[in-house]
Amino acid sequence: MKTWTSKGFALPTRKSVAKELGYDKDPLRGALVAGSAYSTPWQAGPTLPTVMNNFNNQFLDAFLGKSSLEDAMKKAQETANKEIAAGK
């Protein structure tokens, strides 16, 4: 797991590995590691691809500085909800 996650493209599922890699203190990954204590796993369902696509697209804009993270996540939520409602 250490080898797989050391490149930064995925987060380790083991707390010991996250700590060893310094992800708990990393400015970009630290909040994700800290949030694991209260997070819930994704649940597959018919709308998961819509949710994932919208959040991934908007997160990229926030990462690139094109929008704030808060604005990007709000836009992702609103867009995903509209697409899900339209598909019913």
PDB file of N, CA and C in Angstrom:
ATOM      1  N   MET A   1       0.822  -1.186   0.000  1.00  0.00           N
ATOM      2  CA  MET A   1       0.000   0.000   0.000  1.00  0.00           C
ATOM      3  C   MET A   1       0.870   1.256   0.000  1.00  0.00           C
ATOM      4  N   LYS A   2       1.967   1.194   0.705  1.00  0.00           N
ATOM      5  CA  LYS A   2       2.866   2.355   0.747  1.00  0.00           C
ATOM      6  C   LYS A   2       3.389   2.687  -0.651  1.00  0.00           C
ATOM      7  N   THR A   3       3.812   1.678  -1.375  1.00  0.00           N
ATOM      8  CA  THR A   3       4.319   1.898  -2.728  1.00  0.00           C
ATOM      9  C   THR A   3       3.229   2.466  -3.631  1.00  0.00           C
ATOM     10  N   TRP A   4       2.048   1.890  -3.560  1.00  0.00           N
ATOM     11  CA  TRP A   4       0.937   2.289  -4.419  1.00  0.00           C
ATOM     12  C   TRP A   4       0.513   3.735  -4.154  1.00  0.00           C
ATOM     13  N   THR A   5       0.457   4.146  -2.887  1.00  0.00           N
ATOM     14  CA  THR A   5      -0.063   5.469  -2.546  1.00  0.00           C
ATOM     15  C   THR A   5       1.022   6.541  -2.407  1.00  0.00           C
ATOM     16  N   SER A   6       2.277   6.154  -2.452  1.00  0.00           N
ATOM     17  CA  SER A   6       3.361   7.124  -2.254  1.00  0.00           C
ATOM     18  C   SER A   6       3.476   8.144  -3.379  1.00  0.00           C
ATOM     19  N   LYS A   7       2.894   7.859  -4.520  1.00  0.00           N
ATOM     20  CA  LYS A   7       2.949   8.802  -5.647  1.00  0.00           C
ATOM     21  C   LYS A   7       1.917   9.920  -5.510  1.00  0.00           C
ATOM     22  N   GLY A   8       0.993   9.764  -4.578  1.00  0.00           N
ATOM     23  CA  GLY A   8       0.028  10.826  -4.316  1.00  0.00           C
ATOM     24  C   GLY A   8      -1.257  10.761  -5.105  1.00  0.00           C
ATOM     25  N   PHE A   9      -1.450   9.712  -5.894  1.00  0.00           N
ATOM     26  CA  PHE A   9      -2.658   9.621  -6.701  1.00  0.00           C
ATOM     27  C   PHE A   9      -3.813   8.952  -5.977  1.00  0.00           C
ATOM     28  N   ALA A  10      -3.520   8.339  -4.835  1.00  0.00           N
ATOM     29  CA  ALA A  10      -4.542   7.674  -4.027  1.00  0.00           C
ATOM     30  C   ALA A  10      -4.167   7.822  -2.565  1.00  0.00           C
ATOM     31  N   LEU A  11      -5.163   7.752  -1.715  1.00  0.00           N
ATOM     32  CA  LEU A  11      -4.912   7.803  -0.277  1.00  0.00           C
ATOM     33  C   LEU A  11      -4.877   6.387   0.282  1.00  0.00           C
ATOM     34  N   PRO A  12      -3.974   6.140   1.206  1.00  0.00           N
ATOM     35  CA  PRO A  12      -3.936   4.812   1.810  1.00  0.00           C
ATOM     36  C   PRO A  12      -5.133   4.596   2.729  1.00  0.00           C
ATOM     37  N   THR A  13      -5.575   3.357   2.808  1.00  0.00           N
ATOM     38  CA  THR A  13      -6.677   3.034   3.713  1.00  0.00           C
ATOM     39  C   THR A  13      -6.171   2.697   5.103  1.00  0.00           C
ATOM     40  N   ARG A  14      -4.892   2.558   5.248  1.00  0.00           N
ATOM     41  CA  ARG A  14      -4.303   2.271   6.553  1.00  0.00           C
ATOM     42  C   ARG A  14      -3.762   3.553   7.167  1.00  0.00           C
ATOM     43  N   LYS A  15      -4.179   3.820   8.404  1.00  0.00           N
ATOM     44  CA  LYS A  15      -3.722   5.035   9.098  1.00  0.00           C
ATOM     45  C   LYS A  15      -2.206   5.050   9.250  1.00  0.00           C
ATOM     46  N   SER A  16      -1.620   3.901   9.514  1.00  0.00           N
ATOM     47  CA  SER A  16      -0.168   3.846   9.711  1.00  0.00           C
ATOM     48  C   SER A  16       0.583   4.260   8.441  1.00  0.00           C
ATOM     49  N   VAL A  17       0.069   3.897   7.298  1.00  0.00           N
ATOM     50  CA  VAL A  17       0.728   4.257   6.037  1.00  0.00           C
ATOM     51  C   VAL A  17       0.555   5.754   5.768  1.00  0.00           C
ATOM     52  N   ALA A  18      -0.633   6.277   6.020  1.00  0.00           N
ATOM     53  CA  ALA A  18      -0.869   7.713   5.836  1.00  0.00           C
ATOM     54  C   ALA A  18       0.074   8.523   6.721  1.00  0.00           C
ATOM     55  N   LYS A  19       0.258   8.068   7.944  1.00  0.00           N
ATOM     56  CA  LYS A  19       1.151   8.770   8.869  1.00  0.00           C
ATOM     57  C   LYS A  19       2.600   8.656   8.412  1.00  0.00           C
ATOM     58  N   GLU A  20       3.006   7.457   8.008  1.00  0.00           N
ATOM     59  CA  GLU A  20       4.381   7.245   7.560  1.00  0.00           C
ATOM     60  C   GLU A  20       4.716   8.105   6.343  1.00  0.00           C
ATOM     61  N   LEU A  21       3.754   8.275   5.450  1.00  0.00           N
ATOM     62  CA  LEU A  21       3.966   9.099   4.255  1.00  0.00           C
ATOM     63  C   LEU A  21       3.805  10.592   4.537  1.00  0.00           C
ATOM     64  N   GLY A  22       3.364  10.929   5.747  1.00  0.00           N
ATOM     65  CA  GLY A  22       3.192  12.336   6.109  1.00  0.00           C
ATOM     66  C   GLY A  22       1.919  12.950   5.577  1.00  0.00           C
ATOM     67  N   TYR A  23       0.985  12.125   5.096  1.00  0.00           N
ATOM     68  CA  TYR A  23      -0.254  12.645   4.537  1.00  0.00           C
ATOM     69  C   TYR A  23      -1.111  13.317   5.597  1.00  0.00           C
ATOM     70  N   ASP A  24      -0.969  12.930   6.863  1.00  0.00           N
ATOM     71  CA  ASP A  24      -1.758  13.557   7.922  1.00  0.00           C
ATOM     72  C   ASP A  24      -1.345  15.006   8.144  1.00  0.00           C
ATOM     73  N   LYS A  25      -0.144  15.385   7.715  1.00  0.00           N
ATOM     74  CA  LYS A  25       0.337  16.759   7.877  1.00  0.00           C
ATOM     75  C   LYS A  25       0.432  17.503   6.543  1.00  0.00           C
ATOM     76  N   ASP A  26       0.124  16.839   5.467  1.00  0.00           N
ATOM     77  CA  ASP A  26       0.199  17.418   4.137  1.00  0.00           C
ATOM     78  C   ASP A  26      -0.900  18.468   3.962  1.00  0.00           C
ATOM     79  N   PRO A  27      -0.587  19.662   3.416  1.00  0.00           N
ATOM     80  CA  PRO A  27      -1.607  20.708   3.282  1.00  0.00           C
ATOM     81  C   PRO A  27      -2.762  20.342   2.354  1.00  0.00           C
ATOM     82  N   LEU A  28      -2.532  19.492   1.369  1.00  0.00           N
ATOM     83  CA  LEU A  28      -3.605  19.099   0.455  1.00  0.00           C
ATOM     84  C   LEU A  28      -4.342  17.842   0.912  1.00  0.00           C
ATOM     85  N   ARG A  29      -3.631  16.914   1.507  1.00  0.00           N
ATOM     86  CA  ARG A  29      -4.239  15.635   1.877  1.00  0.00           C
ATOM     87  C   ARG A  29      -4.648  15.549   3.339  1.00  0.00           C
ATOM     88  N   GLY A  30      -4.136  16.451   4.167  1.00  0.00           N
ATOM     89  CA  GLY A  30      -4.381  16.388   5.608  1.00  0.00           C
ATOM     90  C   GLY A  30      -5.848  16.378   5.983  1.00  0.00           C
ATOM     91  N   ALA A  31      -6.649  17.206   5.336  1.00  0.00           N
ATOM     92  CA  ALA A  31      -8.088  17.255   5.652  1.00  0.00           C
ATOM     93  C   ALA A  31      -8.775  15.950   5.267  1.00  0.00           C
ATOM     94  N   LEU A  32      -8.346  15.351   4.180  1.00  0.00           N
ATOM     95  CA  LEU A  32      -8.942  14.074   3.761  1.00  0.00           C
ATOM     96  C   LEU A  32      -8.595  12.962   4.743  1.00  0.00           C
ATOM     97  N   VAL A  33      -7.353  12.950   5.207  1.00  0.00           N
ATOM     98  CA  VAL A  33      -6.939  11.952   6.190  1.00  0.00           C
ATOM     99  C   VAL A  33      -7.696  12.169   7.499  1.00  0.00           C
ATOM    100  N   ALA A  34      -7.798  13.421   7.940  1.00  0.00           N
ATOM    101  CA  ALA A  34      -8.507  13.721   9.187  1.00  0.00           C
ATOM    102  C   ALA A  34      -9.985  13.373   9.076  1.00  0.00           C
ATOM    103  N   GLY A  35     -10.561  13.564   7.903  1.00  0.00           N
ATOM    104  CA  GLY A  35     -11.984  13.292   7.699  1.00  0.00           C
ATOM    105  C   GLY A  35     -12.336  11.827   7.677  1.00  0.00           C
ATOM    106  N   SER A  36     -11.343  10.969   7.598  1.00  0.00           N
ATOM    107  CA  SER A  36     -11.637   9.540   7.553  1.00  0.00           C
ATOM    108  C   SER A  36     -12.306   9.047   8.829  1.00  0.00           C
ATOM    109  N   ALA A  37     -12.115   9.756   9.923  1.00  0.00           N
ATOM    110  CA  ALA A  37     -12.717   9.342  11.196  1.00  0.00           C
ATOM    111  C   ALA A  37     -14.241   9.439  11.173  1.00  0.00           C
ATOM    112  N   TYR A  38     -14.784  10.347  10.377  1.00  0.00           N
ATOM    113  CA  TYR A  38     -16.240  10.524  10.348  1.00  0.00           C
ATOM    114  C   TYR A  38     -16.845  10.328   8.952  1.00  0.00           C
ATOM    115  N   SER A  39     -16.041   9.871   8.029  1.00  0.00           N
ATOM    116  CA  SER A  39     -16.531   9.694   6.661  1.00  0.00           C
ATOM    117  C   SER A  39     -17.379   8.435   6.535  1.00  0.00           C
ATOM    118  N   THR A  40     -18.126   8.388   5.450  1.00  0.00           N
ATOM    119  CA  THR A  40     -18.921   7.204   5.141  1.00  0.00           C
ATOM    120  C   THR A  40     -18.538   6.735   3.743  1.00  0.00           C
ATOM    121  N   PRO A  41     -18.588   5.456   3.494  1.00  0.00           N
ATOM    122  CA  PRO A  41     -18.192   4.958   2.180  1.00  0.00           C
ATOM    123  C   PRO A  41     -19.217   5.318   1.114  1.00  0.00           C
ATOM    124  N   TRP A  42     -18.739   5.426  -0.113  1.00  0.00           N
ATOM    125  CA  TRP A  42     -19.644   5.650  -1.235  1.00  0.00           C
ATOM    126  C   TRP A  42     -20.581   4.459  -1.345  1.00  0.00           C
ATOM    127  N   GLN A  43     -21.779   4.727  -1.716  1.00  0.00           N
ATOM    128  CA  GLN A  43     -22.725   3.646  -1.942  1.00  0.00           C
ATOM    129  C   GLN A  43     -23.085   3.668  -3.421  1.00  0.00           C
ATOM    130  N   ALA A  44     -22.921   2.554  -4.023  1.00  0.00           N
ATOM    131  CA  ALA A  44     -23.235   2.462  -5.442  1.00  0.00           C
ATOM    132  C   ALA A  44     -24.738   2.573  -5.651  1.00  0.00           C
ATOM    133  N   GLY A  45     -25.100   3.142  -6.706  1.00  0.00           N
ATOM    134  CA  GLY A  45     -26.497   3.290  -7.060  1.00  0.00           C
ATOM    135  C   GLY A  45     -26.591   3.845  -8.463  1.00  0.00           C
ATOM    136  N   PRO A  46     -27.785   4.009  -8.960  1.00  0.00           N
ATOM    137  CA  PRO A  46     -27.925   4.454 -10.348  1.00  0.00           C
ATOM    138  C   PRO A  46     -27.439   5.882 -10.589  1.00  0.00           C
ATOM    139  N   THR A  47     -27.326   6.708  -9.550  1.00  0.00           N
ATOM    140  CA  THR A  47     -26.914   8.098  -9.757  1.00  0.00           C
ATOM    141  C   THR A  47     -25.446   8.340  -9.419  1.00  0.00           C
ATOM    142  N   LEU A  48     -24.737   7.318  -8.973  1.00  0.00           N
ATOM    143  CA  LEU A  48     -23.343   7.517  -8.581  1.00  0.00           C
ATOM    144  C   LEU A  48     -22.471   8.079  -9.704  1.00  0.00           C
ATOM    145  N   PRO A  49     -22.575   7.593 -10.933  1.00  0.00           N
ATOM    146  CA  PRO A  49     -21.751   8.177 -11.992  1.00  0.00           C
ATOM    147  C   PRO A  49     -22.020   9.673 -12.204  1.00  0.00           C
ATOM    148  N   THR A  50     -23.262  10.095 -12.091  1.00  0.00           N
ATOM    149  CA  THR A  50     -23.600  11.512 -12.239  1.00  0.00           C
ATOM    150  C   THR A  50     -22.944  12.329 -11.138  1.00  0.00           C
ATOM    151  N   VAL A  51     -23.046  11.849  -9.928  1.00  0.00           N
ATOM    152  CA  VAL A  51     -22.444  12.550  -8.785  1.00  0.00           C
ATOM    153  C   VAL A  51     -20.927  12.606  -8.953  1.00  0.00           C
ATOM    154  N   MET A  52     -20.319  11.477  -9.244  1.00  0.00           N
ATOM    155  CA  MET A  52     -18.859  11.414  -9.391  1.00  0.00           C
ATOM    156  C   MET A  52     -18.367  12.347 -10.500  1.00  0.00           C
ATOM    157  N   ASN A  53     -19.017  12.310 -11.652  1.00  0.00           N
ATOM    158  CA  ASN A  53     -18.581  13.156 -12.768  1.00  0.00           C
ATOM    159  C   ASN A  53     -18.648  14.631 -12.407  1.00  0.00           C
ATOM    160  N   ASN A  54     -19.741  15.053 -11.792  1.00  0.00           N
ATOM    161  CA  ASN A  54     -19.878  16.467 -11.452  1.00  0.00           C
ATOM    162  C   ASN A  54     -18.872  16.914 -10.399  1.00  0.00           C
ATOM    163  N   PHE A  55     -18.680  16.114  -9.371  1.00  0.00           N
ATOM    164  CA  PHE A  55     -17.725  16.500  -8.337  1.00  0.00           C
ATOM    165  C   PHE A  55     -16.290  16.446  -8.853  1.00  0.00           C
ATOM    166  N   ASN A  56     -15.956  15.450  -9.650  1.00  0.00           N
ATOM    167  CA  ASN A  56     -14.608  15.390 -10.218  1.00  0.00           C
ATOM    168  C   ASN A  56     -14.340  16.591 -11.121  1.00  0.00           C
ATOM    169  N   ASN A  57     -15.289  16.949 -11.967  1.00  0.00           N
ATOM    170  CA  ASN A  57     -15.114  18.101 -12.863  1.00  0.00           C
ATOM    171  C   ASN A  57     -14.935  19.394 -12.085  1.00  0.00           C
ATOM    172  N   GLN A  58     -15.759  19.608 -11.093  1.00  0.00           N
ATOM    173  CA  GLN A  58     -15.677  20.854 -10.339  1.00  0.00           C
ATOM    174  C   GLN A  58     -14.450  20.887  -9.427  1.00  0.00           C
ATOM    175  N   PHE A  59     -14.067  19.744  -8.888  1.00  0.00           N
ATOM    176  CA  PHE A  59     -12.872  19.710  -8.052  1.00  0.00           C
ATOM    177  C   PHE A  59     -11.650  20.122  -8.857  1.00  0.00           C
ATOM    178  N   LEU A  60     -11.599  19.722 -10.106  1.00  0.00           N
ATOM    179  CA  LEU A  60     -10.483  20.093 -10.966  1.00  0.00           C
ATOM    180  C   LEU A  60     -10.402  21.607 -11.122  1.00  0.00           C
ATOM    181  N   ASP A  61     -11.537  22.284 -11.307  1.00  0.00           N
ATOM    182  CA  ASP A  61     -11.540  23.750 -11.395  1.00  0.00           C
ATOM    183  C   ASP A  61     -11.005  24.378 -10.115  1.00  0.00           C
ATOM    184  N   ALA A  62     -11.388  23.835  -8.977  1.00  0.00           N
ATOM    185  CA  ALA A  62     -10.908  24.366  -7.693  1.00  0.00           C
ATOM    186  C   ALA A  62      -9.411  24.121  -7.557  1.00  0.00           C
ATOM    187  N   PHE A  63      -8.968  22.943  -7.926  1.00  0.00           N
ATOM    188  CA  PHE A  63      -7.556  22.591  -7.835  1.00  0.00           C
ATOM    189  C   PHE A  63      -6.703  23.508  -8.708  1.00  0.00           C
ATOM    190  N   LEU A  64      -7.222  23.852  -9.877  1.00  0.00           N
ATOM    191  CA  LEU A  64      -6.488  24.716 -10.804  1.00  0.00           C
ATOM    192  C   LEU A  64      -6.648  26.198 -10.487  1.00  0.00           C
ATOM    193  N   GLY A  65      -7.424  26.507  -9.449  1.00  0.00           N
ATOM    194  CA  GLY A  65      -7.600  27.896  -9.034  1.00  0.00           C
ATOM    195  C   GLY A  65      -8.623  28.666  -9.840  1.00  0.00           C
ATOM    196  N   LYS A  66      -9.426  27.982 -10.641  1.00  0.00           N
ATOM    197  CA  LYS A  66     -10.445  28.654 -11.446  1.00  0.00           C
ATOM    198  C   LYS A  66     -11.669  29.024 -10.617  1.00  0.00           C
ATOM    199  N   SER A  67     -11.834  28.375  -9.468  1.00  0.00           N
ATOM    200  CA  SER A  67     -12.925  28.708  -8.547  1.00  0.00           C
ATOM    201  C   SER A  67     -12.514  28.270  -7.151  1.00  0.00           C
ATOM    202  N   SER A  68     -13.214  28.796  -6.155  1.00  0.00           N
ATOM    203  CA  SER A  68     -12.924  28.363  -4.792  1.00  0.00           C
ATOM    204  C   SER A  68     -13.476  26.954  -4.602  1.00  0.00           C
ATOM    205  N   LEU A  69     -12.943  26.243  -3.645  1.00  0.00           N
ATOM    206  CA  LEU A  69     -13.428  24.886  -3.392  1.00  0.00           C
ATOM    207  C   LEU A  69     -14.892  24.916  -2.992  1.00  0.00           C
ATOM    208  N   GLU A  70     -15.265  25.874  -2.154  1.00  0.00           N
ATOM    209  CA  GLU A  70     -16.664  25.977  -1.718  1.00  0.00           C
ATOM    210  C   GLU A  70     -17.595  26.205  -2.902  1.00  0.00           C
ATOM    211  N   ASP A  71     -17.242  27.137  -3.792  1.00  0.00           N
ATOM    212  CA  ASP A  71     -18.078  27.408  -4.965  1.00  0.00           C
ATOM    213  C   ASP A  71     -18.135  26.191  -5.897  1.00  0.00           C
ATOM    214  N   ALA A  72     -16.998  25.526  -6.064  1.00  0.00           N
ATOM    215  CA  ALA A  72     -16.961  24.359  -6.940  1.00  0.00           C
ATOM    216  C   ALA A  72     -17.854  23.244  -6.413  1.00  0.00           C
ATOM    217  N   MET A  73     -17.808  22.996  -5.113  1.00  0.00           N
ATOM    218  CA  MET A  73     -18.616  21.915  -4.541  1.00  0.00           C
ATOM    219  C   MET A  73     -20.112  22.254  -4.585  1.00  0.00           C
ATOM    220  N   LYS A  74     -20.444  23.527  -4.383  1.00  0.00           N
ATOM    221  CA  LYS A  74     -21.847  23.941  -4.496  1.00  0.00           C
ATOM    222  C   LYS A  74     -22.351  23.750  -5.925  1.00  0.00           C
ATOM    223  N   LYS A  75     -21.516  24.146  -6.899  1.00  0.00           N
ATOM    224  CA  LYS A  75     -21.906  23.999  -8.296  1.00  0.00           C
ATOM    225  C   LYS A  75     -22.054  22.522  -8.655  1.00  0.00           C
ATOM    226  N   ALA A  76     -21.141  21.689  -8.181  1.00  0.00           N
ATOM    227  CA  ALA A  76     -21.222  20.247  -8.453  1.00  0.00           C
ATOM    228  C   ALA A  76     -22.509  19.666  -7.886  1.00  0.00           C
ATOM    229  N   GLN A  77     -22.842  20.057  -6.673  1.00  0.00           N
ATOM    230  CA  GLN A  77     -24.060  19.544  -6.034  1.00  0.00           C
ATOM    231  C   GLN A  77     -25.299  19.982  -6.798  1.00  0.00           C
ATOM    232  N   GLU A  78     -25.364  21.254  -7.135  1.00  0.00           N
ATOM    233  CA  GLU A  78     -26.530  21.779  -7.841  1.00  0.00           C
ATOM    234  C   GLU A  78     -26.681  21.109  -9.217  1.00  0.00           C
ATOM    235  N   THR A  79     -25.581  20.998  -9.937  1.00  0.00           N
ATOM    236  CA  THR A  79     -25.633  20.406 -11.274  1.00  0.00           C
ATOM    237  C   THR A  79     -26.007  18.931 -11.210  1.00  0.00           C
ATOM    238  N   ALA A  80     -25.396  18.207 -10.280  1.00  0.00           N
ATOM    239  CA  ALA A  80     -25.715  16.777 -10.145  1.00  0.00           C
ATOM    240  C   ALA A  80     -27.169  16.589  -9.776  1.00  0.00           C
ATOM    241  N   ASN A  81     -27.669  17.403  -8.851  1.00  0.00           N
ATOM    242  CA  ASN A  81     -29.094  17.275  -8.460  1.00  0.00           C
ATOM    243  C   ASN A  81     -30.023  17.561  -9.618  1.00  0.00           C
ATOM    244  N   LYS A  82     -29.691  18.548 -10.443  1.00  0.00           N
ATOM    245  CA  LYS A  82     -30.513  18.851 -11.624  1.00  0.00           C
ATOM    246  C   LYS A  82     -30.498  17.691 -12.616  1.00  0.00           C
ATOM    247  N   GLU A  83     -29.330  17.133 -12.849  1.00  0.00           N
ATOM    248  CA  GLU A  83     -29.216  16.016 -13.801  1.00  0.00           C
ATOM    249  C   GLU A  83     -29.955  14.784 -13.287  1.00  0.00           C
ATOM    250  N   ILE A  84     -29.862  14.543 -11.995  1.00  0.00           N
ATOM    251  CA  ILE A  84     -30.561  13.386 -11.404  1.00  0.00           C
ATOM    252  C   ILE A  84     -32.071  13.581 -11.502  1.00  0.00           C
ATOM    253  N   ALA A  85     -32.537  14.793 -11.192  1.00  0.00           N
ATOM    254  CA  ALA A  85     -33.977  15.086 -11.275  1.00  0.00           C
ATOM    255  C   ALA A  85     -34.479  14.962 -12.702  1.00  0.00           C
ATOM    256  N   ALA A  86     -33.674  15.414 -13.668  1.00  0.00           N
ATOM    257  CA  ALA A  86     -34.084  15.356 -15.071  1.00  0.00           C
ATOM    258  C   ALA A  86     -34.150  13.918 -15.572  1.00  0.00           C
ATOM    259  N   GLY A  87     -33.391  13.031 -14.968  1.00  0.00           N
ATOM    260  CA  GLY A  87     -33.382  11.649 -15.399  1.00  0.00           C
ATOM    261  C   GLY A  87     -34.471  10.790 -14.818  1.00  0.00           C
ATOM    262  N   LYS A  88     -35.265  11.355 -13.921  1.00  0.00           N
ATOM    263  CA  LYS A  88     -36.345  10.566 -13.284  1.00  0.00           C
ATOM    264  C   LYS A  88     -37.562  10.493 -14.158  1.00  0.00           C
TER     265      LYS A  88
END
